[in-house]
Amino acid sequence: MVTFNSGRADQGAVFDYQLARLIALVDDMKEIRSGASPERLAADPPILERWAMARRPAMCLTGLSAGHPLLPGDGRAIVTSDLCLLADDQTWARTLSRWYRLGRPAESPIGDS
């Protein structure tokens, strides 16, 4: 998840780094869709031996949704897809799927003591 400052063109090094990573991923996906092979796309890739699939938690949002295009109803409890961007004033969030306008925060968010 990357924070951003609304209305500024310069978002800083972390924002630019993550943007470049996502652009590279999308570019590779477009190439694969066009029939390119990983051998052509990967420049001197590392080898991963004894690999296995694993899971790790990703930051997301939870709350009461209104106006969601796929989850109808007002006040419907949802968990979003991976949180990618959060406005520094916490009024906007971008998940992997879509933008959310953020209303009031919960009384005690997860992780607060």
PDB file of N, CA and C in Angstrom:
ATOM      1  N   MET A   1       0.849  -1.164   0.000  1.00  0.00           N
ATOM      2  CA  MET A   1       0.000   0.000   0.000  1.00  0.00           C
ATOM      3  C   MET A   1       0.894   1.226   0.000  1.00  0.00           C
ATOM      4  N   VAL A   2       0.532   2.195  -0.807  1.00  0.00           N
ATOM      5  CA  VAL A   2       1.301   3.430  -0.940  1.00  0.00           C
ATOM      6  C   VAL A   2       0.397   4.604  -0.600  1.00  0.00           C
ATOM      7  N   THR A   3       0.900   5.551   0.180  1.00  0.00           N
ATOM      8  CA  THR A   3       0.123   6.753   0.446  1.00  0.00           C
ATOM      9  C   THR A   3       0.398   7.780  -0.651  1.00  0.00           C
ATOM     10  N   PHE A   4      -0.577   8.661  -0.894  1.00  0.00           N
ATOM     11  CA  PHE A   4      -0.404   9.712  -1.887  1.00  0.00           C
ATOM     12  C   PHE A   4      -0.989  11.003  -1.367  1.00  0.00           C
ATOM     13  N   ASN A   5      -0.569  12.097  -1.965  1.00  0.00           N
ATOM     14  CA  ASN A   5      -1.036  13.421  -1.572  1.00  0.00           C
ATOM     15  C   ASN A   5      -1.853  13.981  -2.723  1.00  0.00           C
ATOM     16  N   SER A   6      -3.157  14.141  -2.522  1.00  0.00           N
ATOM     17  CA  SER A   6      -4.046  14.649  -3.571  1.00  0.00           C
ATOM     18  C   SER A   6      -3.579  16.007  -4.073  1.00  0.00           C
ATOM     19  N   GLY A   7      -3.621  16.177  -5.380  1.00  0.00           N
ATOM     20  CA  GLY A   7      -3.325  17.465  -5.980  1.00  0.00           C
ATOM     21  C   GLY A   7      -1.857  17.736  -6.228  1.00  0.00           C
ATOM     22  N   ARG A   8      -0.986  16.822  -5.878  1.00  0.00           N
ATOM     23  CA  ARG A   8       0.451  17.009  -6.125  1.00  0.00           C
ATOM     24  C   ARG A   8       0.904  16.110  -7.248  1.00  0.00           C
ATOM     25  N   ALA A   9       1.746  16.632  -8.128  1.00  0.00           N
ATOM     26  CA  ALA A   9       2.304  15.818  -9.201  1.00  0.00           C
ATOM     27  C   ALA A   9       3.449  14.955  -8.672  1.00  0.00           C
ATOM     28  N   ASP A  10       4.296  15.509  -7.830  1.00  0.00           N
ATOM     29  CA  ASP A  10       5.432  14.773  -7.273  1.00  0.00           C
ATOM     30  C   ASP A  10       4.961  14.013  -6.035  1.00  0.00           C
ATOM     31  N   GLN A  11       4.908  12.686  -6.145  1.00  0.00           N
ATOM     32  CA  GLN A  11       4.424  11.860  -5.035  1.00  0.00           C
ATOM     33  C   GLN A  11       5.552  11.208  -4.244  1.00  0.00           C
ATOM     34  N   GLY A  12       6.778  11.378  -4.677  1.00  0.00           N
ATOM     35  CA  GLY A  12       7.908  10.841  -3.929  1.00  0.00           C
ATOM     36  C   GLY A  12       8.434   9.536  -4.483  1.00  0.00           C
ATOM     37  N   ALA A  13       9.571   9.119  -3.942  1.00  0.00           N
ATOM     38  CA  ALA A  13      10.313   7.967  -4.442  1.00  0.00           C
ATOM     39  C   ALA A  13       9.572   6.644  -4.260  1.00  0.00           C
ATOM     40  N   VAL A  14       8.918   6.454  -3.123  1.00  0.00           N
ATOM     41  CA  VAL A  14       8.210   5.189  -2.872  1.00  0.00           C
ATOM     42  C   VAL A  14       7.059   5.034  -3.861  1.00  0.00           C
ATOM     43  N   PHE A  15       6.304   6.094  -4.079  1.00  0.00           N
ATOM     44  CA  PHE A  15       5.204   6.070  -5.040  1.00  0.00           C
ATOM     45  C   PHE A  15       5.734   5.733  -6.436  1.00  0.00           C
ATOM     46  N   ASP A  16       6.808   6.428  -6.856  1.00  0.00           N
ATOM     47  CA  ASP A  16       7.377   6.206  -8.189  1.00  0.00           C
ATOM     48  C   ASP A  16       7.907   4.783  -8.350  1.00  0.00           C
ATOM     49  N   TYR A  17       8.515   4.248  -7.292  1.00  0.00           N
ATOM     50  CA  TYR A  17       9.029   2.879  -7.326  1.00  0.00           C
ATOM     51  C   TYR A  17       7.899   1.876  -7.527  1.00  0.00           C
ATOM     52  N   GLN A  18       6.834   2.013  -6.745  1.00  0.00           N
ATOM     53  CA  GLN A  18       5.705   1.090  -6.868  1.00  0.00           C
ATOM     54  C   GLN A  18       5.009   1.237  -8.220  1.00  0.00           C
ATOM     55  N   LEU A  19       4.897   2.460  -8.699  1.00  0.00           N
ATOM     56  CA  LEU A  19       4.301   2.693 -10.016  1.00  0.00           C
ATOM     57  C   LEU A  19       5.103   1.975 -11.101  1.00  0.00           C
ATOM     58  N   ALA A  20       6.412   2.092 -11.057  1.00  0.00           N
ATOM     59  CA  ALA A  20       7.260   1.429 -12.045  1.00  0.00           C
ATOM     60  C   ALA A  20       7.106  -0.091 -11.986  1.00  0.00           C
ATOM     61  N   ARG A  21       6.996  -0.643 -10.773  1.00  0.00           N
ATOM     62  CA  ARG A  21       6.807  -2.096 -10.625  1.00  0.00           C
ATOM     63  C   ARG A  21       5.482  -2.541 -11.241  1.00  0.00           C
ATOM     64  N   LEU A  22       4.426  -1.785 -10.991  1.00  0.00           N
ATOM     65  CA  LEU A  22       3.110  -2.156 -11.528  1.00  0.00           C
ATOM     66  C   LEU A  22       3.055  -1.998 -13.039  1.00  0.00           C
ATOM     67  N   ILE A  23       3.679  -0.954 -13.565  1.00  0.00           N
ATOM     68  CA  ILE A  23       3.730  -0.773 -15.019  1.00  0.00           C
ATOM     69  C   ILE A  23       4.468  -1.941 -15.668  1.00  0.00           C
ATOM     70  N   ALA A  24       5.578  -2.366 -15.069  1.00  0.00           N
ATOM     71  CA  ALA A  24       6.338  -3.497 -15.608  1.00  0.00           C
ATOM     72  C   ALA A  24       5.498  -4.774 -15.598  1.00  0.00           C
ATOM     73  N   LEU A  25       4.728  -5.001 -14.524  1.00  0.00           N
ATOM     74  CA  LEU A  25       3.857  -6.176 -14.454  1.00  0.00           C
ATOM     75  C   LEU A  25       2.800  -6.131 -15.553  1.00  0.00           C
ATOM     76  N   VAL A  26       2.130  -4.986 -15.704  1.00  0.00           N
ATOM     77  CA  VAL A  26       1.095  -4.855 -16.734  1.00  0.00           C
ATOM     78  C   VAL A  26       1.702  -5.034 -18.125  1.00  0.00           C
ATOM     79  N   ASP A  27       2.866  -4.462 -18.363  1.00  0.00           N
ATOM     80  CA  ASP A  27       3.536  -4.629 -19.662  1.00  0.00           C
ATOM     81  C   ASP A  27       3.819  -6.105 -19.942  1.00  0.00           C
ATOM     82  N   ASP A  28       4.317  -6.843 -18.934  1.00  0.00           N
ATOM     83  CA  ASP A  28       4.569  -8.273 -19.115  1.00  0.00           C
ATOM     84  C   ASP A  28       3.278  -9.038 -19.385  1.00  0.00           C
ATOM     85  N   MET A  29       2.206  -8.679 -18.683  1.00  0.00           N
ATOM     86  CA  MET A  29       0.923  -9.350 -18.910  1.00  0.00           C
ATOM     87  C   MET A  29       0.431  -9.115 -20.331  1.00  0.00           C
ATOM     88  N   LYS A  30       0.594  -7.911 -20.831  1.00  0.00           N
ATOM     89  CA  LYS A  30       0.202  -7.613 -22.218  1.00  0.00           C
ATOM     90  C   LYS A  30       1.031  -8.423 -23.197  1.00  0.00           C
ATOM     91  N   GLU A  31       2.322  -8.549 -22.933  1.00  0.00           N
ATOM     92  CA  GLU A  31       3.202  -9.334 -23.813  1.00  0.00           C
ATOM     93  C   GLU A  31       2.809 -10.813 -23.813  1.00  0.00           C
ATOM     94  N   ILE A  32       2.532 -11.363 -22.631  1.00  0.00           N
ATOM     95  CA  ILE A  32       2.092 -12.768 -22.528  1.00  0.00           C
ATOM     96  C   ILE A  32       0.798 -12.959 -23.308  1.00  0.00           C
ATOM     97  N   ARG A  33      -0.117 -12.014 -23.165  1.00  0.00           N
ATOM     98  CA  ARG A  33      -1.390 -12.088 -23.890  1.00  0.00           C
ATOM     99  C   ARG A  33      -1.181 -12.065 -25.395  1.00  0.00           C
ATOM    100  N   SER A  34      -0.120 -11.410 -25.834  1.00  0.00           N
ATOM    101  CA  SER A  34       0.193 -11.320 -27.264  1.00  0.00           C
ATOM    102  C   SER A  34       0.990 -12.519 -27.760  1.00  0.00           C
ATOM    103  N   GLY A  35       1.279 -13.459 -26.852  1.00  0.00           N
ATOM    104  CA  GLY A  35       1.960 -14.672 -27.270  1.00  0.00           C
ATOM    105  C   GLY A  35       3.441 -14.724 -26.952  1.00  0.00           C
ATOM    106  N   ALA A  36       3.972 -13.724 -26.276  1.00  0.00           N
ATOM    107  CA  ALA A  36       5.398 -13.728 -25.924  1.00  0.00           C
ATOM    108  C   ALA A  36       5.671 -14.807 -24.882  1.00  0.00           C
ATOM    109  N   SER A  37       6.872 -15.349 -24.909  1.00  0.00           N
ATOM    110  CA  SER A  37       7.262 -16.365 -23.931  1.00  0.00           C
ATOM    111  C   SER A  37       8.003 -15.702 -22.778  1.00  0.00           C
ATOM    112  N   PRO A  38       7.952 -16.323 -21.589  1.00  0.00           N
ATOM    113  CA  PRO A  38       8.734 -15.793 -20.464  1.00  0.00           C
ATOM    114  C   PRO A  38      10.228 -15.728 -20.784  1.00  0.00           C
ATOM    115  N   GLU A  39      10.713 -16.669 -21.573  1.00  0.00           N
ATOM    116  CA  GLU A  39      12.135 -16.651 -21.942  1.00  0.00           C
ATOM    117  C   GLU A  39      12.510 -15.353 -22.648  1.00  0.00           C
ATOM    118  N   ARG A  40      11.590 -14.819 -23.443  1.00  0.00           N
ATOM    119  CA  ARG A  40      11.852 -13.562 -24.145  1.00  0.00           C
ATOM    120  C   ARG A  40      11.736 -12.356 -23.218  1.00  0.00           C
ATOM    121  N   LEU A  41      10.848 -12.447 -22.228  1.00  0.00           N
ATOM    122  CA  LEU A  41      10.571 -11.311 -21.363  1.00  0.00           C
ATOM    123  C   LEU A  41      11.527 -11.190 -20.176  1.00  0.00           C
ATOM    124  N   ALA A  42      12.016 -12.309 -19.671  1.00  0.00           N
ATOM    125  CA  ALA A  42      12.829 -12.312 -18.454  1.00  0.00           C
ATOM    126  C   ALA A  42      14.302 -12.141 -18.797  1.00  0.00           C
ATOM    127  N   ALA A  43      14.911 -11.103 -18.259  1.00  0.00           N
ATOM    128  CA  ALA A  43      16.334 -10.852 -18.474  1.00  0.00           C
ATOM    129  C   ALA A  43      17.129 -11.448 -17.307  1.00  0.00           C
ATOM    130  N   ASP A  44      17.836 -12.551 -17.560  1.00  0.00           N
ATOM    131  CA  ASP A  44      18.674 -13.203 -16.554  1.00  0.00           C
ATOM    132  C   ASP A  44      17.925 -13.435 -15.242  1.00  0.00           C
ATOM    133  N   PRO A  45      16.830 -14.226 -15.282  1.00  0.00           N
ATOM    134  CA  PRO A  45      16.023 -14.431 -14.073  1.00  0.00           C
ATOM    135  C   PRO A  45      16.711 -15.348 -13.073  1.00  0.00           C
ATOM    136  N   PRO A  46      16.459 -15.150 -11.780  1.00  0.00           N
ATOM    137  CA  PRO A  46      16.983 -16.084 -10.776  1.00  0.00           C
ATOM    138  C   PRO A  46      16.225 -17.405 -10.864  1.00  0.00           C
ATOM    139  N   ILE A  47      16.814 -18.446 -10.337  1.00  0.00           N
ATOM    140  CA  ILE A  47      16.169 -19.758 -10.268  1.00  0.00           C
ATOM    141  C   ILE A  47      15.704 -19.964  -8.835  1.00  0.00           C
ATOM    142  N   LEU A  48      14.495 -20.493  -8.685  1.00  0.00           N
ATOM    143  CA  LEU A  48      13.937 -20.787  -7.372  1.00  0.00           C
ATOM    144  C   LEU A  48      13.786 -22.293  -7.253  1.00  0.00           C
ATOM    145  N   GLU A  49      14.625 -22.927  -6.429  1.00  0.00           N
ATOM    146  CA  GLU A  49      14.589 -24.369  -6.217  1.00  0.00           C
ATOM    147  C   GLU A  49      13.719 -24.700  -5.007  1.00  0.00           C
ATOM    148  N   ARG A  50      13.214 -25.934  -4.968  1.00  0.00           N
ATOM    149  CA  ARG A  50      12.409 -26.424  -3.849  1.00  0.00           C
ATOM    150  C   ARG A  50      11.292 -25.447  -3.502  1.00  0.00           C
ATOM    151  N   TRP A  51      10.672 -24.904  -4.540  1.00  0.00           N
ATOM    152  CA  TRP A  51       9.640 -23.887  -4.342  1.00  0.00           C
ATOM    153  C   TRP A  51       8.305 -24.527  -3.999  1.00  0.00           C
ATOM    154  N   ALA A  52       7.468 -23.759  -3.364  1.00  0.00           N
ATOM    155  CA  ALA A  52       6.113 -24.183  -3.019  1.00  0.00           C
ATOM    156  C   ALA A  52       5.220 -22.951  -3.007  1.00  0.00           C
ATOM    157  N   MET A  53       3.941 -23.156  -3.234  1.00  0.00           N
ATOM    158  CA  MET A  53       2.976 -22.069  -3.126  1.00  0.00           C
ATOM    159  C   MET A  53       2.814 -21.721  -1.649  1.00  0.00           C
ATOM    160  N   ALA A  54       2.655 -20.441  -1.356  1.00  0.00           N
ATOM    161  CA  ALA A  54       2.469 -19.982   0.015  1.00  0.00           C
ATOM    162  C   ALA A  54       1.470 -18.837   0.013  1.00  0.00           C
ATOM    163  N   ARG A  55       1.029 -18.430   1.184  1.00  0.00           N
ATOM    164  CA  ARG A  55       0.122 -17.295   1.324  1.00  0.00           C
ATOM    165  C   ARG A  55       0.680 -16.348   2.366  1.00  0.00           C
ATOM    166  N   ARG A  56       0.413 -15.081   2.152  1.00  0.00           N
ATOM    167  CA  ARG A  56       0.769 -14.083   3.147  1.00  0.00           C
ATOM    168  C   ARG A  56      -0.329 -13.049   3.182  1.00  0.00           C
ATOM    169  N   PRO A  57      -0.522 -12.444   4.338  1.00  0.00           N
ATOM    170  CA  PRO A  57      -1.593 -11.443   4.422  1.00  0.00           C
ATOM    171  C   PRO A  57      -1.241 -10.191   3.619  1.00  0.00           C
ATOM    172  N   ALA A  58      -2.260  -9.566   3.097  1.00  0.00           N
ATOM    173  CA  ALA A  58      -2.103  -8.296   2.388  1.00  0.00           C
ATOM    174  C   ALA A  58      -3.027  -7.271   3.042  1.00  0.00           C
ATOM    175  N   MET A  59      -2.589  -6.024   3.085  1.00  0.00           N
ATOM    176  CA  MET A  59      -3.412  -4.952   3.643  1.00  0.00           C
ATOM    177  C   MET A  59      -4.675  -4.806   2.797  1.00  0.00           C
ATOM    178  N   CYS A  60      -5.800  -4.605   3.466  1.00  0.00           N
ATOM    179  CA  CYS A  60      -7.072  -4.394   2.789  1.00  0.00           C
ATOM    180  C   CYS A  60      -7.916  -3.478   3.672  1.00  0.00           C
ATOM    181  N   LEU A  61      -9.095  -3.168   3.233  1.00  0.00           N
ATOM    182  CA  LEU A  61     -10.032  -2.377   4.040  1.00  0.00           C
ATOM    183  C   LEU A  61     -11.261  -3.223   4.341  1.00  0.00           C
ATOM    184  N   THR A  62     -11.892  -2.925   5.438  1.00  0.00           N
ATOM    185  CA  THR A  62     -13.173  -3.527   5.758  1.00  0.00           C
ATOM    186  C   THR A  62     -14.087  -2.395   6.216  1.00  0.00           C
ATOM    187  N   GLY A  63     -15.350  -2.542   5.972  1.00  0.00           N
ATOM    188  CA  GLY A  63     -16.279  -1.501   6.381  1.00  0.00           C
ATOM    189  C   GLY A  63     -17.661  -1.751   5.823  1.00  0.00           C
ATOM    190  N   LEU A  64     -18.491  -0.758   5.936  1.00  0.00           N
ATOM    191  CA  LEU A  64     -19.870  -0.837   5.471  1.00  0.00           C
ATOM    192  C   LEU A  64     -19.971  -0.109   4.143  1.00  0.00           C
ATOM    193  N   SER A  65     -20.296  -0.825   3.097  1.00  0.00           N
ATOM    194  CA  SER A  65     -20.285  -0.302   1.738  1.00  0.00           C
ATOM    195  C   SER A  65     -21.650   0.221   1.317  1.00  0.00           C
ATOM    196  N   ALA A  66     -21.617   1.251   0.488  1.00  0.00           N
ATOM    197  CA  ALA A  66     -22.830   1.772  -0.150  1.00  0.00           C
ATOM    198  C   ALA A  66     -22.465   2.132  -1.583  1.00  0.00           C
ATOM    199  N   GLY A  67     -23.266   1.687  -2.533  1.00  0.00           N
ATOM    200  CA  GLY A  67     -23.028   2.017  -3.932  1.00  0.00           C
ATOM    201  C   GLY A  67     -21.984   1.164  -4.620  1.00  0.00           C
ATOM    202  N   HIS A  68     -21.653   0.027  -4.062  1.00  0.00           N
ATOM    203  CA  HIS A  68     -20.668  -0.868  -4.686  1.00  0.00           C
ATOM    204  C   HIS A  68     -21.284  -1.479  -5.941  1.00  0.00           C
ATOM    205  N   PRO A  69     -20.544  -1.523  -7.051  1.00  0.00           N
ATOM    206  CA  PRO A  69     -21.132  -2.025  -8.297  1.00  0.00           C
ATOM    207  C   PRO A  69     -21.417  -3.530  -8.307  1.00  0.00           C
ATOM    208  N   LEU A  70     -20.724  -4.307  -7.474  1.00  0.00           N
ATOM    209  CA  LEU A  70     -20.924  -5.757  -7.467  1.00  0.00           C
ATOM    210  C   LEU A  70     -21.575  -6.281  -6.188  1.00  0.00           C
ATOM    211  N   LEU A  71     -21.538  -5.487  -5.122  1.00  0.00           N
ATOM    212  CA  LEU A  71     -22.089  -5.904  -3.836  1.00  0.00           C
ATOM    213  C   LEU A  71     -23.177  -4.915  -3.435  1.00  0.00           C
ATOM    214  N   PRO A  72     -24.409  -5.154  -3.882  1.00  0.00           N
ATOM    215  CA  PRO A  72     -25.482  -4.176  -3.681  1.00  0.00           C
ATOM    216  C   PRO A  72     -25.902  -4.031  -2.230  1.00  0.00           C
ATOM    217  N   GLY A  73     -26.525  -2.901  -1.960  1.00  0.00           N
ATOM    218  CA  GLY A  73     -27.076  -2.634  -0.637  1.00  0.00           C
ATOM    219  C   GLY A  73     -26.334  -1.511   0.055  1.00  0.00           C
ATOM    220  N   ASP A  74     -26.986  -0.871   0.984  1.00  0.00           N
ATOM    221  CA  ASP A  74     -26.375   0.174   1.795  1.00  0.00           C
ATOM    222  C   ASP A  74     -26.032  -0.406   3.157  1.00  0.00           C
ATOM    223  N   GLY A  75     -24.851  -0.108   3.643  1.00  0.00           N
ATOM    224  CA  GLY A  75     -24.427  -0.618   4.939  1.00  0.00           C
ATOM    225  C   GLY A  75     -24.030  -2.077   4.913  1.00  0.00           C
ATOM    226  N   ARG A  76     -23.673  -2.579   3.733  1.00  0.00           N
ATOM    227  CA  ARG A  76     -23.273  -3.981   3.604  1.00  0.00           C
ATOM    228  C   ARG A  76     -21.820  -4.142   4.054  1.00  0.00           C
ATOM    229  N   ALA A  77     -21.566  -5.060   4.968  1.00  0.00           N
ATOM    230  CA  ALA A  77     -20.212  -5.325   5.455  1.00  0.00           C
ATOM    231  C   ALA A  77     -19.402  -6.016   4.361  1.00  0.00           C
ATOM    232  N   ILE A  78     -18.255  -5.441   4.035  1.00  0.00           N
ATOM    233  CA  ILE A  78     -17.395  -6.025   3.000  1.00  0.00           C
ATOM    234  C   ILE A  78     -15.940  -6.016   3.453  1.00  0.00           C
ATOM    235  N   VAL A  79     -15.134  -6.806   2.773  1.00  0.00           N
ATOM    236  CA  VAL A  79     -13.672  -6.770   2.851  1.00  0.00           C
ATOM    237  C   VAL A  79     -13.213  -6.512   1.435  1.00  0.00           C
ATOM    238  N   THR A  80     -12.360  -5.510   1.239  1.00  0.00           N
ATOM    239  CA  THR A  80     -11.923  -5.140  -0.106  1.00  0.00           C
ATOM    240  C   THR A  80     -10.812  -6.058  -0.602  1.00  0.00           C
ATOM    241  N   SER A  81     -10.472  -5.899  -1.856  1.00  0.00           N
ATOM    242  CA  SER A  81      -9.264  -6.523  -2.386  1.00  0.00           C
ATOM    243  C   SER A  81      -8.052  -5.797  -1.809  1.00  0.00           C
ATOM    244  N   ASP A  82      -6.857  -6.201  -2.184  1.00  0.00           N
ATOM    245  CA  ASP A  82      -5.624  -5.620  -1.643  1.00  0.00           C
ATOM    246  C   ASP A  82      -5.629  -4.102  -1.744  1.00  0.00           C
ATOM    247  N   LEU A  83      -5.264  -3.452  -0.646  1.00  0.00           N
ATOM    248  CA  LEU A  83      -5.177  -1.991  -0.608  1.00  0.00           C
ATOM    249  C   LEU A  83      -3.880  -1.562  -1.281  1.00  0.00           C
ATOM    250  N   CYS A  84      -3.993  -0.699  -2.298  1.00  0.00           N
ATOM    251  CA  CYS A  84      -2.822  -0.257  -3.057  1.00  0.00           C
ATOM    252  C   CYS A  84      -2.447   1.190  -2.770  1.00  0.00           C
ATOM    253  N   LEU A  85      -3.421   2.080  -2.673  1.00  0.00           N
ATOM    254  CA  LEU A  85      -3.179   3.503  -2.443  1.00  0.00           C
ATOM    255  C   LEU A  85      -4.096   4.025  -1.349  1.00  0.00           C
ATOM    256  N   LEU A  86      -3.564   4.940  -0.535  1.00  0.00           N
ATOM    257  CA  LEU A  86      -4.359   5.588   0.497  1.00  0.00           C
ATOM    258  C   LEU A  86      -3.963   7.051   0.537  1.00  0.00           C
ATOM    259  N   ALA A  87      -4.940   7.947   0.373  1.00  0.00           N
ATOM    260  CA  ALA A  87      -4.659   9.380   0.443  1.00  0.00           C
ATOM    261  C   ALA A  87      -4.133   9.717   1.830  1.00  0.00           C
ATOM    262  N   ASP A  88      -3.159  10.620   1.883  1.00  0.00           N
ATOM    263  CA  ASP A  88      -2.587  10.962   3.180  1.00  0.00           C
ATOM    264  C   ASP A  88      -3.609  11.571   4.122  1.00  0.00           C
ATOM    265  N   ASP A  89      -4.680  12.156   3.592  1.00  0.00           N
ATOM    266  CA  ASP A  89      -5.744  12.682   4.459  1.00  0.00           C
ATOM    267  C   ASP A  89      -6.846  11.650   4.710  1.00  0.00           C
ATOM    268  N   GLN A  90      -6.642  10.435   4.217  1.00  0.00           N
ATOM    269  CA  GLN A  90      -7.531   9.291   4.414  1.00  0.00           C
ATOM    270  C   GLN A  90      -8.955   9.545   3.935  1.00  0.00           C
ATOM    271  N   THR A  91      -9.088  10.237   2.809  1.00  0.00           N
ATOM    272  CA  THR A  91     -10.404  10.464   2.215  1.00  0.00           C
ATOM    273  C   THR A  91     -10.635   9.587   0.988  1.00  0.00           C
ATOM    274  N   TRP A  92      -9.581   9.031   0.420  1.00  0.00           N
ATOM    275  CA  TRP A  92      -9.670   8.174  -0.759  1.00  0.00           C
ATOM    276  C   TRP A  92      -8.767   6.962  -0.586  1.00  0.00           C
ATOM    277  N   ALA A  93      -9.202   5.834  -1.153  1.00  0.00           N
ATOM    278  CA  ALA A  93      -8.385   4.624  -1.174  1.00  0.00           C
ATOM    279  C   ALA A  93      -8.563   3.935  -2.521  1.00  0.00           C
ATOM    280  N   ARG A  94      -7.485   3.342  -3.018  1.00  0.00           N
ATOM    281  CA  ARG A  94      -7.550   2.562  -4.263  1.00  0.00           C
ATOM    282  C   ARG A  94      -7.121   1.147  -3.939  1.00  0.00           C
ATOM    283  N   THR A  95      -8.030   0.200  -4.142  1.00  0.00           N
ATOM    284  CA  THR A  95      -7.691  -1.206  -3.981  1.00  0.00           C
ATOM    285  C   THR A  95      -7.304  -1.746  -5.351  1.00  0.00           C
ATOM    286  N   LEU A  96      -6.954  -2.998  -5.387  1.00  0.00           N
ATOM    287  CA  LEU A  96      -6.624  -3.617  -6.665  1.00  0.00           C
ATOM    288  C   LEU A  96      -7.806  -3.536  -7.622  1.00  0.00           C
ATOM    289  N   SER A  97      -9.023  -3.529  -7.097  1.00  0.00           N
ATOM    290  CA  SER A  97     -10.226  -3.544  -7.923  1.00  0.00           C
ATOM    291  C   SER A  97     -10.788  -2.182  -8.284  1.00  0.00           C
ATOM    292  N   ARG A  98     -10.761  -1.230  -7.336  1.00  0.00           N
ATOM    293  CA  ARG A  98     -11.489   0.024  -7.576  1.00  0.00           C
ATOM    294  C   ARG A  98     -11.101   1.086  -6.567  1.00  0.00           C
ATOM    295  N   TRP A  99     -11.600   2.300  -6.814  1.00  0.00           N
ATOM    296  CA  TRP A  99     -11.484   3.422  -5.875  1.00  0.00           C
ATOM    297  C   TRP A  99     -12.615   3.355  -4.859  1.00  0.00           C
ATOM    298  N   TYR A 100     -12.344   3.829  -3.643  1.00  0.00           N
ATOM    299  CA  TYR A 100     -13.354   4.016  -2.603  1.00  0.00           C
ATOM    300  C   TYR A 100     -13.216   5.428  -2.042  1.00  0.00           C
ATOM    301  N   ARG A 101     -14.356   6.100  -1.850  1.00  0.00           N
ATOM    302  CA  ARG A 101     -14.381   7.315  -1.042  1.00  0.00           C
ATOM    303  C   ARG A 101     -14.486   6.853   0.397  1.00  0.00           C
ATOM    304  N   LEU A 102     -13.681   7.401   1.266  1.00  0.00           N
ATOM    305  CA  LEU A 102     -13.691   6.957   2.654  1.00  0.00           C
ATOM    306  C   LEU A 102     -14.489   7.923   3.519  1.00  0.00           C
ATOM    307  N   GLY A 103     -15.426   7.371   4.247  1.00  0.00           N
ATOM    308  CA  GLY A 103     -16.205   8.153   5.200  1.00  0.00           C
ATOM    309  C   GLY A 103     -15.532   8.125   6.563  1.00  0.00           C
ATOM    310  N   ARG A 104     -16.340   8.023   7.594  1.00  0.00           N
ATOM    311  CA  ARG A 104     -15.807   7.979   8.966  1.00  0.00           C
ATOM    312  C   ARG A 104     -15.055   6.667   9.191  1.00  0.00           C
ATOM    313  N   PRO A 105     -13.916   6.732   9.879  1.00  0.00           N
ATOM    314  CA  PRO A 105     -13.209   5.485  10.224  1.00  0.00           C
ATOM    315  C   PRO A 105     -13.925   4.751  11.350  1.00  0.00           C
ATOM    316  N   ALA A 106     -13.601   3.478  11.511  1.00  0.00           N
ATOM    317  CA  ALA A 106     -14.140   2.685  12.613  1.00  0.00           C
ATOM    318  C   ALA A 106     -13.637   3.226  13.934  1.00  0.00           C
ATOM    319  N   GLU A 107     -14.333   2.881  15.011  1.00  0.00           N
ATOM    320  CA  GLU A 107     -13.942   3.361  16.340  1.00  0.00           C
ATOM    321  C   GLU A 107     -12.537   2.903  16.731  1.00  0.00           C
ATOM    322  N   SER A 108     -12.220   1.624  16.498  1.00  0.00           N
ATOM    323  CA  SER A 108     -10.875   1.124  16.833  1.00  0.00           C
ATOM    324  C   SER A 108     -10.409   0.202  15.710  1.00  0.00           C
ATOM    325  N   PRO A 109      -9.671   0.765  14.744  1.00  0.00           N
ATOM    326  CA  PRO A 109      -9.190  -0.053  13.628  1.00  0.00           C
ATOM    327  C   PRO A 109      -8.294  -1.190  14.091  1.00  0.00           C
ATOM    328  N   ILE A 110      -8.217  -2.224  13.274  1.00  0.00           N
ATOM    329  CA  ILE A 110      -7.330  -3.363  13.575  1.00  0.00           C
ATOM    330  C   ILE A 110      -5.906  -2.851  13.719  1.00  0.00           C
ATOM    331  N   GLY A 111      -5.208  -3.320  14.739  1.00  0.00           N
ATOM    332  CA  GLY A 111      -3.821  -2.936  14.944  1.00  0.00           C
ATOM    333  C   GLY A 111      -3.647  -1.823  15.953  1.00  0.00           C
ATOM    334  N   ASP A 112      -4.715  -1.092  16.308  1.00  0.00           N
ATOM    335  CA  ASP A 112      -4.600  -0.051  17.324  1.00  0.00           C
ATOM    336  C   ASP A 112      -4.657  -0.692  18.703  1.00  0.00           C
ATOM    337  N   SER A 113      -3.921  -0.148  19.624  1.00  0.00           N
ATOM    338  CA  SER A 113      -3.928  -0.677  20.998  1.00  0.00           C
ATOM    339  C   SER A 113      -4.786   0.173  21.890  1.00  0.00           C
TER     340      SER A 113
END
